[in-house]
Amino acid sequence: ALVQTARRRILDGHIQRFLPDTDKILEAANCIVEIFEERIEG
């Protein structure tokens, strides 16, 4: 949720230089969620 807030602030403020690394944080967080979901479903 914090990453999504940061992305909105980046897009609204036209400061796209922060966007690529912010998306890397989002990708890493989603990878952890996928690992947990696989364990729980199993």
PDB file of all heavy atoms in Angstrom:
ATOM      1  N   ALA A   1       0.831  -1.206   0.000  1.00  0.00           N
ATOM      2  CA  ALA A   1       0.000   0.000   0.000  1.00  0.00           C
ATOM      3  C   ALA A   1       0.866   1.258   0.000  1.00  0.00           C
ATOM      4  O   ALA A   1       0.555   2.246  -0.685  1.00  0.00           O
ATOM      5  CB  ALA A   1      -0.929  -0.010   1.222  1.00  0.00           C
ATOM      6  N   LEU A   2       1.955   1.233   0.759  1.00  0.00           N
ATOM      7  CA  LEU A   2       2.874   2.379   0.781  1.00  0.00           C
ATOM      8  C   LEU A   2       3.522   2.584  -0.585  1.00  0.00           C
ATOM      9  O   LEU A   2       3.713   3.724  -1.029  1.00  0.00           O
ATOM     10  CB  LEU A   2       3.954   2.164   1.853  1.00  0.00           C
ATOM     11  CG  LEU A   2       3.501   2.335   3.308  1.00  0.00           C
ATOM     12  CD1 LEU A   2       4.572   1.810   4.262  1.00  0.00           C
ATOM     13  CD2 LEU A   2       3.206   3.803   3.612  1.00  0.00           C
ATOM     14  N   VAL A   3       3.854   1.476  -1.252  1.00  0.00           N
ATOM     15  CA  VAL A   3       4.436   1.586  -2.596  1.00  0.00           C
ATOM     16  C   VAL A   3       3.431   2.228  -3.552  1.00  0.00           C
ATOM     17  O   VAL A   3       3.787   3.104  -4.355  1.00  0.00           O
ATOM     18  CB  VAL A   3       4.867   0.200  -3.114  1.00  0.00           C
ATOM     19  CG1 VAL A   3       5.288   0.288  -4.580  1.00  0.00           C
ATOM     20  CG2 VAL A   3       6.014  -0.351  -2.277  1.00  0.00           C
ATOM     21  N   GLN A   4       2.180   1.820  -3.476  1.00  0.00           N
ATOM     22  CA  GLN A   4       1.160   2.395  -4.350  1.00  0.00           C
ATOM     23  C   GLN A   4       0.960   3.880  -4.048  1.00  0.00           C
ATOM     24  O   GLN A   4       0.775   4.696  -4.975  1.00  0.00           O
ATOM     25  CB  GLN A   4      -0.167   1.640  -4.179  1.00  0.00           C
ATOM     26  CG  GLN A   4      -0.112   0.173  -4.571  1.00  0.00           C
ATOM     27  CD  GLN A   4       0.136  -0.043  -6.064  1.00  0.00           C
ATOM     28  OE1 GLN A   4       0.298   0.899  -6.832  1.00  0.00           O
ATOM     29  NE2 GLN A   4       0.167  -1.306  -6.486  1.00  0.00           N
ATOM     30  N   THR A   5       1.041   4.253  -2.778  1.00  0.00           N
ATOM     31  CA  THR A   5       0.961   5.670  -2.412  1.00  0.00           C
ATOM     32  C   THR A   5       2.123   6.444  -3.008  1.00  0.00           C
ATOM     33  O   THR A   5       1.954   7.559  -3.535  1.00  0.00           O
ATOM     34  CB  THR A   5       0.964   5.822  -0.873  1.00  0.00           C
ATOM     35  OG1 THR A   5      -0.141   5.103  -0.323  1.00  0.00           O
ATOM     36  CG2 THR A   5       0.863   7.286  -0.470  1.00  0.00           C
ATOM     37  N   ALA A   6       3.316   5.849  -2.932  1.00  0.00           N
ATOM     38  CA  ALA A   6       4.498   6.499  -3.511  1.00  0.00           C
ATOM     39  C   ALA A   6       4.346   6.660  -5.018  1.00  0.00           C
ATOM     40  O   ALA A   6       4.695   7.705  -5.586  1.00  0.00           O
ATOM     41  CB  ALA A   6       5.752   5.700  -3.174  1.00  0.00           C
ATOM     42  N   ARG A   7       3.810   5.640  -5.685  1.00  0.00           N
ATOM     43  CA  ARG A   7       3.646   5.716  -7.139  1.00  0.00           C
ATOM     44  C   ARG A   7       2.682   6.841  -7.526  1.00  0.00           C
ATOM     45  O   ARG A   7       2.895   7.563  -8.502  1.00  0.00           O
ATOM     46  CB  ARG A   7       3.141   4.374  -7.695  1.00  0.00           C
ATOM     47  CG  ARG A   7       4.157   3.240  -7.565  1.00  0.00           C
ATOM     48  CD  ARG A   7       3.651   1.953  -8.218  1.00  0.00           C
ATOM     49  NE  ARG A   7       4.048   1.908  -9.636  1.00  0.00           N
ATOM     50  CZ  ARG A   7       3.251   2.187 -10.631  1.00  0.00           C
ATOM     51  NH1 ARG A   7       2.001   2.563 -10.384  1.00  0.00           N
ATOM     52  NH2 ARG A   7       3.675   2.117 -11.882  1.00  0.00           N
ATOM     53  N   ARG A   8       1.574   6.966  -6.766  1.00  0.00           N
ATOM     54  CA  ARG A   8       0.631   8.053  -7.062  1.00  0.00           C
ATOM     55  C   ARG A   8       1.293   9.414  -6.868  1.00  0.00           C
ATOM     56  O   ARG A   8       1.102  10.322  -7.686  1.00  0.00           O
ATOM     57  CB  ARG A   8      -0.603   7.926  -6.162  1.00  0.00           C
ATOM     58  CG  ARG A   8      -1.540   6.786  -6.556  1.00  0.00           C
ATOM     59  CD  ARG A   8      -2.881   6.911  -5.856  1.00  0.00           C
ATOM     60  NE  ARG A   8      -2.741   6.764  -4.401  1.00  0.00           N
ATOM     61  CZ  ARG A   8      -2.799   5.604  -3.765  1.00  0.00           C
ATOM     62  NH1 ARG A   8      -2.997   4.478  -4.452  1.00  0.00           N
ATOM     63  NH2 ARG A   8      -2.676   5.546  -2.454  1.00  0.00           N
ATOM     64  N   ARG A   9       2.072   9.528  -5.816  1.00  0.00           N
ATOM     65  CA  ARG A   9       2.756  10.801  -5.562  1.00  0.00           C
ATOM     66  C   ARG A   9       3.768  11.100  -6.673  1.00  0.00           C
ATOM     67  O   ARG A   9       3.912  12.246  -7.119  1.00  0.00           O
ATOM     68  CB  ARG A   9       3.497  10.733  -4.214  1.00  0.00           C
ATOM     69  CG  ARG A   9       4.350  11.955  -3.880  1.00  0.00           C
ATOM     70  CD  ARG A   9       3.469  13.159  -3.585  1.00  0.00           C
ATOM     71  NE  ARG A   9       4.271  14.345  -3.369  1.00  0.00           N
ATOM     72  CZ  ARG A   9       4.697  15.162  -4.324  1.00  0.00           C
ATOM     73  NH1 ARG A   9       4.401  14.890  -5.599  1.00  0.00           N
ATOM     74  NH2 ARG A   9       5.403  16.223  -4.045  1.00  0.00           N
ATOM     75  N   ILE A  10       4.435  10.069  -7.174  1.00  0.00           N
ATOM     76  CA  ILE A  10       5.412  10.229  -8.254  1.00  0.00           C
ATOM     77  C   ILE A  10       4.723  10.677  -9.539  1.00  0.00           C
ATOM     78  O   ILE A  10       5.162  11.602 -10.215  1.00  0.00           O
ATOM     79  CB  ILE A  10       6.177   8.907  -8.474  1.00  0.00           C
ATOM     80  CG1 ILE A  10       7.107   8.634  -7.289  1.00  0.00           C
ATOM     81  CG2 ILE A  10       6.970   8.943  -9.778  1.00  0.00           C
ATOM     82  CD1 ILE A  10       7.658   7.224  -7.270  1.00  0.00           C
ATOM     83  N   LEU A  11       3.609  10.015  -9.875  1.00  0.00           N
ATOM     84  CA  LEU A  11       2.901  10.337 -11.119  1.00  0.00           C
ATOM     85  C   LEU A  11       2.246  11.709 -11.039  1.00  0.00           C
ATOM     86  O   LEU A  11       2.277  12.474 -12.006  1.00  0.00           O
ATOM     87  CB  LEU A  11       1.865   9.254 -11.414  1.00  0.00           C
ATOM     88  CG  LEU A  11       2.442   7.852 -11.706  1.00  0.00           C
ATOM     89  CD1 LEU A  11       1.319   6.826 -11.838  1.00  0.00           C
ATOM     90  CD2 LEU A  11       3.294   7.875 -12.972  1.00  0.00           C
ATOM     91  N   ASP A  12       1.658  12.030  -9.885  1.00  0.00           N
ATOM     92  CA  ASP A  12       1.011  13.346  -9.733  1.00  0.00           C
ATOM     93  C   ASP A  12       2.040  14.478  -9.767  1.00  0.00           C
ATOM     94  O   ASP A  12       1.762  15.564 -10.274  1.00  0.00           O
ATOM     95  CB  ASP A  12       0.232  13.409  -8.417  1.00  0.00           C
ATOM     96  CG  ASP A  12      -0.984  12.491  -8.433  1.00  0.00           C
ATOM     97  OD1 ASP A  12      -1.382  12.068  -9.535  1.00  0.00           O
ATOM     98  OD2 ASP A  12      -1.500  12.180  -7.339  1.00  0.00           O
ATOM     99  N   GLY A  13       3.223  14.201  -9.222  1.00  0.00           N
ATOM    100  CA  GLY A  13       4.250  15.244  -9.160  1.00  0.00           C
ATOM    101  C   GLY A  13       5.187  15.250 -10.342  1.00  0.00           C
ATOM    102  O   GLY A  13       6.141  16.040 -10.369  1.00  0.00           O
ATOM    103  N   HIS A  14       4.954  14.346 -11.308  1.00  0.00           N
ATOM    104  CA  HIS A  14       5.789  14.275 -12.511  1.00  0.00           C
ATOM    105  C   HIS A  14       7.282  14.128 -12.146  1.00  0.00           C
ATOM    106  O   HIS A  14       8.144  14.825 -12.661  1.00  0.00           O
ATOM    107  CB  HIS A  14       5.584  15.521 -13.385  1.00  0.00           C
ATOM    108  CG  HIS A  14       4.163  15.737 -13.798  1.00  0.00           C
ATOM    109  ND1 HIS A  14       3.525  14.932 -14.722  1.00  0.00           N
ATOM    110  CD2 HIS A  14       3.231  16.646 -13.367  1.00  0.00           C
ATOM    111  CE1 HIS A  14       2.260  15.352 -14.878  1.00  0.00           C
ATOM    112  NE2 HIS A  14       2.067  16.384 -14.066  1.00  0.00           N
ATOM    113  N   ILE A  15       7.551  13.223 -11.225  1.00  0.00           N
ATOM    114  CA  ILE A  15       8.944  12.955 -10.820  1.00  0.00           C
ATOM    115  C   ILE A  15       9.243  11.478 -11.115  1.00  0.00           C
ATOM    116  O   ILE A  15       9.500  10.681 -10.221  1.00  0.00           O
ATOM    117  CB  ILE A  15       9.187  13.307  -9.332  1.00  0.00           C
ATOM    118  CG1 ILE A  15       8.007  12.838  -8.458  1.00  0.00           C
ATOM    119  CG2 ILE A  15       9.432  14.785  -9.148  1.00  0.00           C
ATOM    120  CD1 ILE A  15       8.187  13.145  -6.977  1.00  0.00           C
ATOM    121  N   GLN A  16       9.172  11.164 -12.413  1.00  0.00           N
ATOM    122  CA  GLN A  16       9.275   9.774 -12.857  1.00  0.00           C
ATOM    123  C   GLN A  16      10.614   9.111 -12.549  1.00  0.00           C
ATOM    124  O   GLN A  16      10.719   7.888 -12.622  1.00  0.00           O
ATOM    125  CB  GLN A  16       9.003   9.688 -14.366  1.00  0.00           C
ATOM    126  CG  GLN A  16       7.545   9.499 -14.734  1.00  0.00           C
ATOM    127  CD  GLN A  16       6.730  10.771 -14.575  1.00  0.00           C
ATOM    128  OE1 GLN A  16       7.297  11.824 -14.334  1.00  0.00           O
ATOM    129  NE2 GLN A  16       5.420  10.676 -14.699  1.00  0.00           N
ATOM    130  N   ARG A  17      11.631   9.876 -12.189  1.00  0.00           N
ATOM    131  CA  ARG A  17      12.930   9.251 -11.936  1.00  0.00           C
ATOM    132  C   ARG A  17      12.884   8.292 -10.735  1.00  0.00           C
ATOM    133  O   ARG A  17      13.744   7.422 -10.593  1.00  0.00           O
ATOM    134  CB  ARG A  17      13.999  10.321 -11.698  1.00  0.00           C
ATOM    135  CG  ARG A  17      13.814  11.150 -10.443  1.00  0.00           C
ATOM    136  CD  ARG A  17      14.909  12.201 -10.336  1.00  0.00           C
ATOM    137  NE  ARG A  17      14.797  13.017  -9.138  1.00  0.00           N
ATOM    138  CZ  ARG A  17      14.003  14.065  -9.022  1.00  0.00           C
ATOM    139  NH1 ARG A  17      13.225  14.431 -10.033  1.00  0.00           N
ATOM    140  NH2 ARG A  17      13.959  14.760  -7.901  1.00  0.00           N
ATOM    141  N   PHE A  18      11.873   8.456  -9.865  1.00  0.00           N
ATOM    142  CA  PHE A  18      11.741   7.551  -8.719  1.00  0.00           C
ATOM    143  C   PHE A  18      10.971   6.277  -9.066  1.00  0.00           C
ATOM    144  O   PHE A  18      10.947   5.331  -8.280  1.00  0.00           O
ATOM    145  CB  PHE A  18      11.009   8.262  -7.565  1.00  0.00           C
ATOM    146  CG  PHE A  18      11.789   9.377  -6.935  1.00  0.00           C
ATOM    147  CD1 PHE A  18      11.540  10.693  -7.286  1.00  0.00           C
ATOM    148  CD2 PHE A  18      12.761   9.115  -5.990  1.00  0.00           C
ATOM    149  CE1 PHE A  18      12.244  11.727  -6.707  1.00  0.00           C
ATOM    150  CE2 PHE A  18      13.470  10.138  -5.401  1.00  0.00           C
ATOM    151  CZ  PHE A  18      13.219  11.453  -5.758  1.00  0.00           C
ATOM    152  N   LEU A  19      10.324   6.256 -10.236  1.00  0.00           N
ATOM    153  CA  LEU A  19       9.393   5.178 -10.543  1.00  0.00           C
ATOM    154  C   LEU A  19      10.061   3.811 -10.746  1.00  0.00           C
ATOM    155  O   LEU A  19       9.581   2.802 -10.208  1.00  0.00           O
ATOM    156  CB  LEU A  19       8.565   5.549 -11.768  1.00  0.00           C
ATOM    157  CG  LEU A  19       7.296   4.723 -12.018  1.00  0.00           C
ATOM    158  CD1 LEU A  19       6.384   4.768 -10.797  1.00  0.00           C
ATOM    159  CD2 LEU A  19       6.566   5.251 -13.250  1.00  0.00           C
ATOM    160  N   PRO A  20      11.168   3.704 -11.518  1.00  0.00           N
ATOM    161  CA  PRO A  20      11.748   2.366 -11.754  1.00  0.00           C
ATOM    162  C   PRO A  20      12.132   1.636 -10.468  1.00  0.00           C
ATOM    163  O   PRO A  20      11.812   0.437 -10.312  1.00  0.00           O
ATOM    164  CB  PRO A  20      12.977   2.664 -12.618  1.00  0.00           C
ATOM    165  CG  PRO A  20      12.650   3.952 -13.301  1.00  0.00           C
ATOM    166  CD  PRO A  20      11.869   4.739 -12.302  1.00  0.00           C
ATOM    167  N   ASP A  21      12.784   2.323  -9.534  1.00  0.00           N
ATOM    168  CA  ASP A  21      13.193   1.655  -8.296  1.00  0.00           C
ATOM    169  C   ASP A  21      11.991   1.376  -7.397  1.00  0.00           C
ATOM    170  O   ASP A  21      11.983   0.386  -6.651  1.00  0.00           O
ATOM    171  CB  ASP A  21      14.219   2.512  -7.553  1.00  0.00           C
ATOM    172  CG  ASP A  21      15.565   2.529  -8.249  1.00  0.00           C
ATOM    173  OD1 ASP A  21      15.804   1.641  -9.082  1.00  0.00           O
ATOM    174  OD2 ASP A  21      16.381   3.431  -7.970  1.00  0.00           O
ATOM    175  N   THR A  22      10.983   2.237  -7.448  1.00  0.00           N
ATOM    176  CA  THR A  22       9.763   1.982  -6.680  1.00  0.00           C
ATOM    177  C   THR A  22       9.078   0.717  -7.182  1.00  0.00           C
ATOM    178  O   THR A  22       8.581  -0.099  -6.394  1.00  0.00           O
ATOM    179  CB  THR A  22       8.811   3.183  -6.788  1.00  0.00           C
ATOM    180  OG1 THR A  22       9.490   4.368  -6.334  1.00  0.00           O
ATOM    181  CG2 THR A  22       7.568   2.982  -5.938  1.00  0.00           C
ATOM    182  N   ASP A  23       9.071   0.524  -8.489  1.00  0.00           N
ATOM    183  CA  ASP A  23       8.481  -0.692  -9.052  1.00  0.00           C
ATOM    184  C   ASP A  23       9.276  -1.941  -8.664  1.00  0.00           C
ATOM    185  O   ASP A  23       8.709  -3.039  -8.549  1.00  0.00           O
ATOM    186  CB  ASP A  23       8.395  -0.580 -10.575  1.00  0.00           C
ATOM    187  CG  ASP A  23       7.290   0.375 -11.016  1.00  0.00           C
ATOM    188  OD1 ASP A  23       6.382   0.653 -10.203  1.00  0.00           O
ATOM    189  OD2 ASP A  23       7.332   0.856 -12.171  1.00  0.00           O
ATOM    190  N   LYS A  24      10.574  -1.786  -8.465  1.00  0.00           N
ATOM    191  CA  LYS A  24      11.381  -2.930  -8.009  1.00  0.00           C
ATOM    192  C   LYS A  24      10.976  -3.349  -6.596  1.00  0.00           C
ATOM    193  O   LYS A  24      10.978  -4.542  -6.266  1.00  0.00           O
ATOM    194  CB  LYS A  24      12.861  -2.581  -8.073  1.00  0.00           C
ATOM    195  CG  LYS A  24      13.392  -2.434  -9.494  1.00  0.00           C
ATOM    196  CD  LYS A  24      14.821  -1.937  -9.497  1.00  0.00           C
ATOM    197  CE  LYS A  24      15.308  -1.717 -10.927  1.00  0.00           C
ATOM    198  NZ  LYS A  24      16.659  -1.133 -10.985  1.00  0.00           N
ATOM    199  N   ILE A  25      10.651  -2.367  -5.755  1.00  0.00           N
ATOM    200  CA  ILE A  25      10.165  -2.689  -4.409  1.00  0.00           C
ATOM    201  C   ILE A  25       8.851  -3.457  -4.504  1.00  0.00           C
ATOM    202  O   ILE A  25       8.645  -4.464  -3.818  1.00  0.00           O
ATOM    203  CB  ILE A  25       9.980  -1.402  -3.586  1.00  0.00           C
ATOM    204  CG1 ILE A  25      11.334  -0.728  -3.324  1.00  0.00           C
ATOM    205  CG2 ILE A  25       9.281  -1.709  -2.253  1.00  0.00           C
ATOM    206  CD1 ILE A  25      11.232   0.591  -2.589  1.00  0.00           C
ATOM    207  N   LEU A  26       7.946  -2.971  -5.360  1.00  0.00           N
ATOM    208  CA  LEU A  26       6.658  -3.636  -5.535  1.00  0.00           C
ATOM    209  C   LEU A  26       6.847  -5.064  -6.032  1.00  0.00           C
ATOM    210  O   LEU A  26       6.186  -6.002  -5.562  1.00  0.00           O
ATOM    211  CB  LEU A  26       5.805  -2.835  -6.514  1.00  0.00           C
ATOM    212  CG  LEU A  26       4.389  -3.368  -6.786  1.00  0.00           C
ATOM    213  CD1 LEU A  26       3.573  -3.427  -5.492  1.00  0.00           C
ATOM    214  CD2 LEU A  26       3.699  -2.504  -7.828  1.00  0.00           C
ATOM    215  N   GLU A  27       7.739  -5.266  -6.968  1.00  0.00           N
ATOM    216  CA  GLU A  27       8.003  -6.610  -7.505  1.00  0.00           C
ATOM    217  C   GLU A  27       8.512  -7.542  -6.412  1.00  0.00           C
ATOM    218  O   GLU A  27       8.070  -8.694  -6.307  1.00  0.00           O
ATOM    219  CB  GLU A  27       9.029  -6.506  -8.636  1.00  0.00           C
ATOM    220  CG  GLU A  27       9.378  -7.842  -9.268  1.00  0.00           C
ATOM    221  CD  GLU A  27      10.451  -7.711 -10.332  1.00  0.00           C
ATOM    222  OE1 GLU A  27      10.753  -6.568 -10.741  1.00  0.00           O
ATOM    223  OE2 GLU A  27      10.982  -8.761 -10.751  1.00  0.00           O
ATOM    224  N   ALA A  28       9.429  -7.069  -5.578  1.00  0.00           N
ATOM    225  CA  ALA A  28       9.974  -7.905  -4.505  1.00  0.00           C
ATOM    226  C   ALA A  28       8.901  -8.255  -3.487  1.00  0.00           C
ATOM    227  O   ALA A  28       8.818  -9.399  -3.014  1.00  0.00           O
ATOM    228  CB  ALA A  28      11.140  -7.180  -3.829  1.00  0.00           C
ATOM    229  N   ALA A  29       8.049  -7.280  -3.128  1.00  0.00           N
ATOM    230  CA  ALA A  29       6.976  -7.547  -2.167  1.00  0.00           C
ATOM    231  C   ALA A  29       5.994  -8.574  -2.723  1.00  0.00           C
ATOM    232  O   ALA A  29       5.545  -9.488  -2.006  1.00  0.00           O
ATOM    233  CB  ALA A  29       6.255  -6.244  -1.824  1.00  0.00           C
ATOM    234  N   ASN A  30       5.626  -8.458  -3.995  1.00  0.00           N
ATOM    235  CA  ASN A  30       4.711  -9.428  -4.604  1.00  0.00           C
ATOM    236  C   ASN A  30       5.324 -10.824  -4.648  1.00  0.00           C
ATOM    237  O   ASN A  30       4.616 -11.830  -4.515  1.00  0.00           O
ATOM    238  CB  ASN A  30       4.334  -8.975  -6.014  1.00  0.00           C
ATOM    239  CG  ASN A  30       3.331  -7.823  -6.004  1.00  0.00           C
ATOM    240  OD1 ASN A  30       2.511  -7.727  -5.100  1.00  0.00           O
ATOM    241  ND2 ASN A  30       3.413  -6.954  -7.002  1.00  0.00           N
ATOM    242  N   CYS A  31       6.635 -10.914  -4.854  1.00  0.00           N
ATOM    243  CA  CYS A  31       7.303 -12.230  -4.851  1.00  0.00           C
ATOM    244  C   CYS A  31       7.176 -12.894  -3.481  1.00  0.00           C
ATOM    245  O   CYS A  31       6.960 -14.114  -3.387  1.00  0.00           O
ATOM    246  CB  CYS A  31       8.771 -12.070  -5.233  1.00  0.00           C
ATOM    247  SG  CYS A  31       9.048 -11.726  -6.984  1.00  0.00           S
ATOM    248  N   ILE A  32       7.299 -12.105  -2.403  1.00  0.00           N
ATOM    249  CA  ILE A  32       7.158 -12.681  -1.058  1.00  0.00           C
ATOM    250  C   ILE A  32       5.733 -13.159  -0.840  1.00  0.00           C
ATOM    251  O   ILE A  32       5.498 -14.246  -0.288  1.00  0.00           O
ATOM    252  CB  ILE A  32       7.549 -11.635   0.007  1.00  0.00           C
ATOM    253  CG1 ILE A  32       9.011 -11.224  -0.161  1.00  0.00           C
ATOM    254  CG2 ILE A  32       7.336 -12.204   1.409  1.00  0.00           C
ATOM    255  CD1 ILE A  32       9.446 -10.107   0.753  1.00  0.00           C
ATOM    256  N   VAL A  33       4.755 -12.358  -1.269  1.00  0.00           N
ATOM    257  CA  VAL A  33       3.356 -12.753  -1.131  1.00  0.00           C
ATOM    258  C   VAL A  33       3.108 -14.075  -1.858  1.00  0.00           C
ATOM    259  O   VAL A  33       2.427 -14.983  -1.339  1.00  0.00           O
ATOM    260  CB  VAL A  33       2.424 -11.655  -1.679  1.00  0.00           C
ATOM    261  CG1 VAL A  33       0.985 -12.154  -1.719  1.00  0.00           C
ATOM    262  CG2 VAL A  33       2.520 -10.407  -0.806  1.00  0.00           C
ATOM    263  N   GLU A  34       3.659 -14.232  -3.069  1.00  0.00           N
ATOM    264  CA  GLU A  34       3.468 -15.471  -3.828  1.00  0.00           C
ATOM    265  C   GLU A  34       4.055 -16.666  -3.084  1.00  0.00           C
ATOM    266  O   GLU A  34       3.458 -17.757  -3.070  1.00  0.00           O
ATOM    267  CB  GLU A  34       4.120 -15.332  -5.199  1.00  0.00           C
ATOM    268  CG  GLU A  34       3.384 -14.382  -6.130  1.00  0.00           C
ATOM    269  CD  GLU A  34       4.104 -14.200  -7.458  1.00  0.00           C
ATOM    270  OE1 GLU A  34       5.124 -14.898  -7.666  1.00  0.00           O
ATOM    271  OE2 GLU A  34       3.665 -13.366  -8.264  1.00  0.00           O
ATOM    272  N   ILE A  35       5.219 -16.473  -2.462  1.00  0.00           N
ATOM    273  CA  ILE A  35       5.832 -17.576  -1.708  1.00  0.00           C
ATOM    274  C   ILE A  35       4.926 -17.990  -0.555  1.00  0.00           C
ATOM    275  O   ILE A  35       4.684 -19.191  -0.319  1.00  0.00           O
ATOM    276  CB  ILE A  35       7.219 -17.156  -1.185  1.00  0.00           C
ATOM    277  CG1 ILE A  35       8.196 -16.995  -2.350  1.00  0.00           C
ATOM    278  CG2 ILE A  35       7.751 -18.176  -0.185  1.00  0.00           C
ATOM    279  CD1 ILE A  35       9.557 -16.458  -1.946  1.00  0.00           C
ATOM    280  N   PHE A  36       4.382 -17.022   0.181  1.00  0.00           N
ATOM    281  CA  PHE A  36       3.507 -17.342   1.297  1.00  0.00           C
ATOM    282  C   PHE A  36       2.222 -18.016   0.831  1.00  0.00           C
ATOM    283  O   PHE A  36       1.741 -18.962   1.464  1.00  0.00           O
ATOM    284  CB  PHE A  36       3.180 -16.062   2.080  1.00  0.00           C
ATOM    285  CG  PHE A  36       4.172 -15.767   3.158  1.00  0.00           C
ATOM    286  CD1 PHE A  36       5.395 -15.208   2.852  1.00  0.00           C
ATOM    287  CD2 PHE A  36       3.901 -16.077   4.483  1.00  0.00           C
ATOM    288  CE1 PHE A  36       6.323 -14.951   3.828  1.00  0.00           C
ATOM    289  CE2 PHE A  36       4.828 -15.818   5.476  1.00  0.00           C
ATOM    290  CZ  PHE A  36       6.045 -15.252   5.153  1.00  0.00           C
ATOM    291  N   GLU A  37       1.666 -17.540  -0.268  1.00  0.00           N
ATOM    292  CA  GLU A  37       0.424 -18.143  -0.757  1.00  0.00           C
ATOM    293  C   GLU A  37       0.630 -19.588  -1.167  1.00  0.00           C
ATOM    294  O   GLU A  37      -0.226 -20.453  -0.927  1.00  0.00           O
ATOM    295  CB  GLU A  37      -0.122 -17.319  -1.927  1.00  0.00           C
ATOM    296  CG  GLU A  37      -0.702 -15.976  -1.493  1.00  0.00           C
ATOM    297  CD  GLU A  37      -1.173 -15.139  -2.669  1.00  0.00           C
ATOM    298  OE1 GLU A  37      -0.800 -15.478  -3.819  1.00  0.00           O
ATOM    299  OE2 GLU A  37      -1.892 -14.153  -2.436  1.00  0.00           O
ATOM    300  N   GLU A  38       1.773 -19.882  -1.784  1.00  0.00           N
ATOM    301  CA  GLU A  38       2.063 -21.263  -2.171  1.00  0.00           C
ATOM    302  C   GLU A  38       2.169 -22.162  -0.940  1.00  0.00           C
ATOM    303  O   GLU A  38       1.674 -23.295  -0.935  1.00  0.00           O
ATOM    304  CB  GLU A  38       3.366 -21.313  -2.969  1.00  0.00           C
ATOM    305  CG  GLU A  38       3.248 -20.742  -4.374  1.00  0.00           C
ATOM    306  CD  GLU A  38       4.571 -20.738  -5.103  1.00  0.00           C
ATOM    307  OE1 GLU A  38       5.567 -21.213  -4.507  1.00  0.00           O
ATOM    308  OE2 GLU A  38       4.620 -20.264  -6.248  1.00  0.00           O
ATOM    309  N   ARG A  39       2.790 -21.649   0.137  1.00  0.00           N
ATOM    310  CA  ARG A  39       2.923 -22.462   1.348  1.00  0.00           C
ATOM    311  C   ARG A  39       1.562 -22.706   2.002  1.00  0.00           C
ATOM    312  O   ARG A  39       1.260 -23.813   2.441  1.00  0.00           O
ATOM    313  CB  ARG A  39       3.848 -21.765   2.345  1.00  0.00           C
ATOM    314  CG  ARG A  39       5.286 -21.597   1.858  1.00  0.00           C
ATOM    315  CD  ARG A  39       5.994 -22.918   1.705  1.00  0.00           C
ATOM    316  NE  ARG A  39       6.202 -23.577   2.977  1.00  0.00           N
ATOM    317  CZ  ARG A  39       6.858 -24.712   3.125  1.00  0.00           C
ATOM    318  NH1 ARG A  39       7.366 -25.328   2.075  1.00  0.00           N
ATOM    319  NH2 ARG A  39       7.002 -25.265   4.311  1.00  0.00           N
ATOM    320  N   ILE A  40       0.757 -21.667   2.058  1.00  0.00           N
ATOM    321  CA  ILE A  40      -0.534 -21.797   2.732  1.00  0.00           C
ATOM    322  C   ILE A  40      -1.473 -22.708   1.944  1.00  0.00           C
ATOM    323  O   ILE A  40      -2.176 -23.556   2.507  1.00  0.00           O
ATOM    324  CB  ILE A  40      -1.164 -20.408   2.943  1.00  0.00           C
ATOM    325  CG1 ILE A  40      -0.316 -19.632   3.960  1.00  0.00           C
ATOM    326  CG2 ILE A  40      -2.605 -20.520   3.433  1.00  0.00           C
ATOM    327  CD1 ILE A  40      -0.713 -18.188   4.112  1.00  0.00           C
ATOM    328  N   GLU A  41      -1.492 -22.524   0.631  1.00  0.00           N
ATOM    329  CA  GLU A  41      -2.353 -23.374  -0.201  1.00  0.00           C
ATOM    330  C   GLU A  41      -1.933 -24.832  -0.096  1.00  0.00           C
ATOM    331  O   GLU A  41      -2.752 -25.742  -0.215  1.00  0.00           O
ATOM    332  CB  GLU A  41      -2.284 -22.912  -1.657  1.00  0.00           C
ATOM    333  CG  GLU A  41      -3.004 -21.589  -1.897  1.00  0.00           C
ATOM    334  CD  GLU A  41      -2.811 -21.086  -3.312  1.00  0.00           C
ATOM    335  OE1 GLU A  41      -2.152 -21.790  -4.102  1.00  0.00           O
ATOM    336  OE2 GLU A  41      -3.300 -19.989  -3.626  1.00  0.00           O
ATOM    337  N   GLY A  42      -0.639 -25.075   0.154  1.00  0.00           N
ATOM    338  CA  GLY A  42      -0.170 -26.450   0.304  1.00  0.00           C
ATOM    339  C   GLY A  42      -0.362 -26.991   1.699  1.00  0.00           C
ATOM    340  O   GLY A  42       0.023 -28.137   1.995  1.00  0.00           O
TER     341      GLY A  42
END
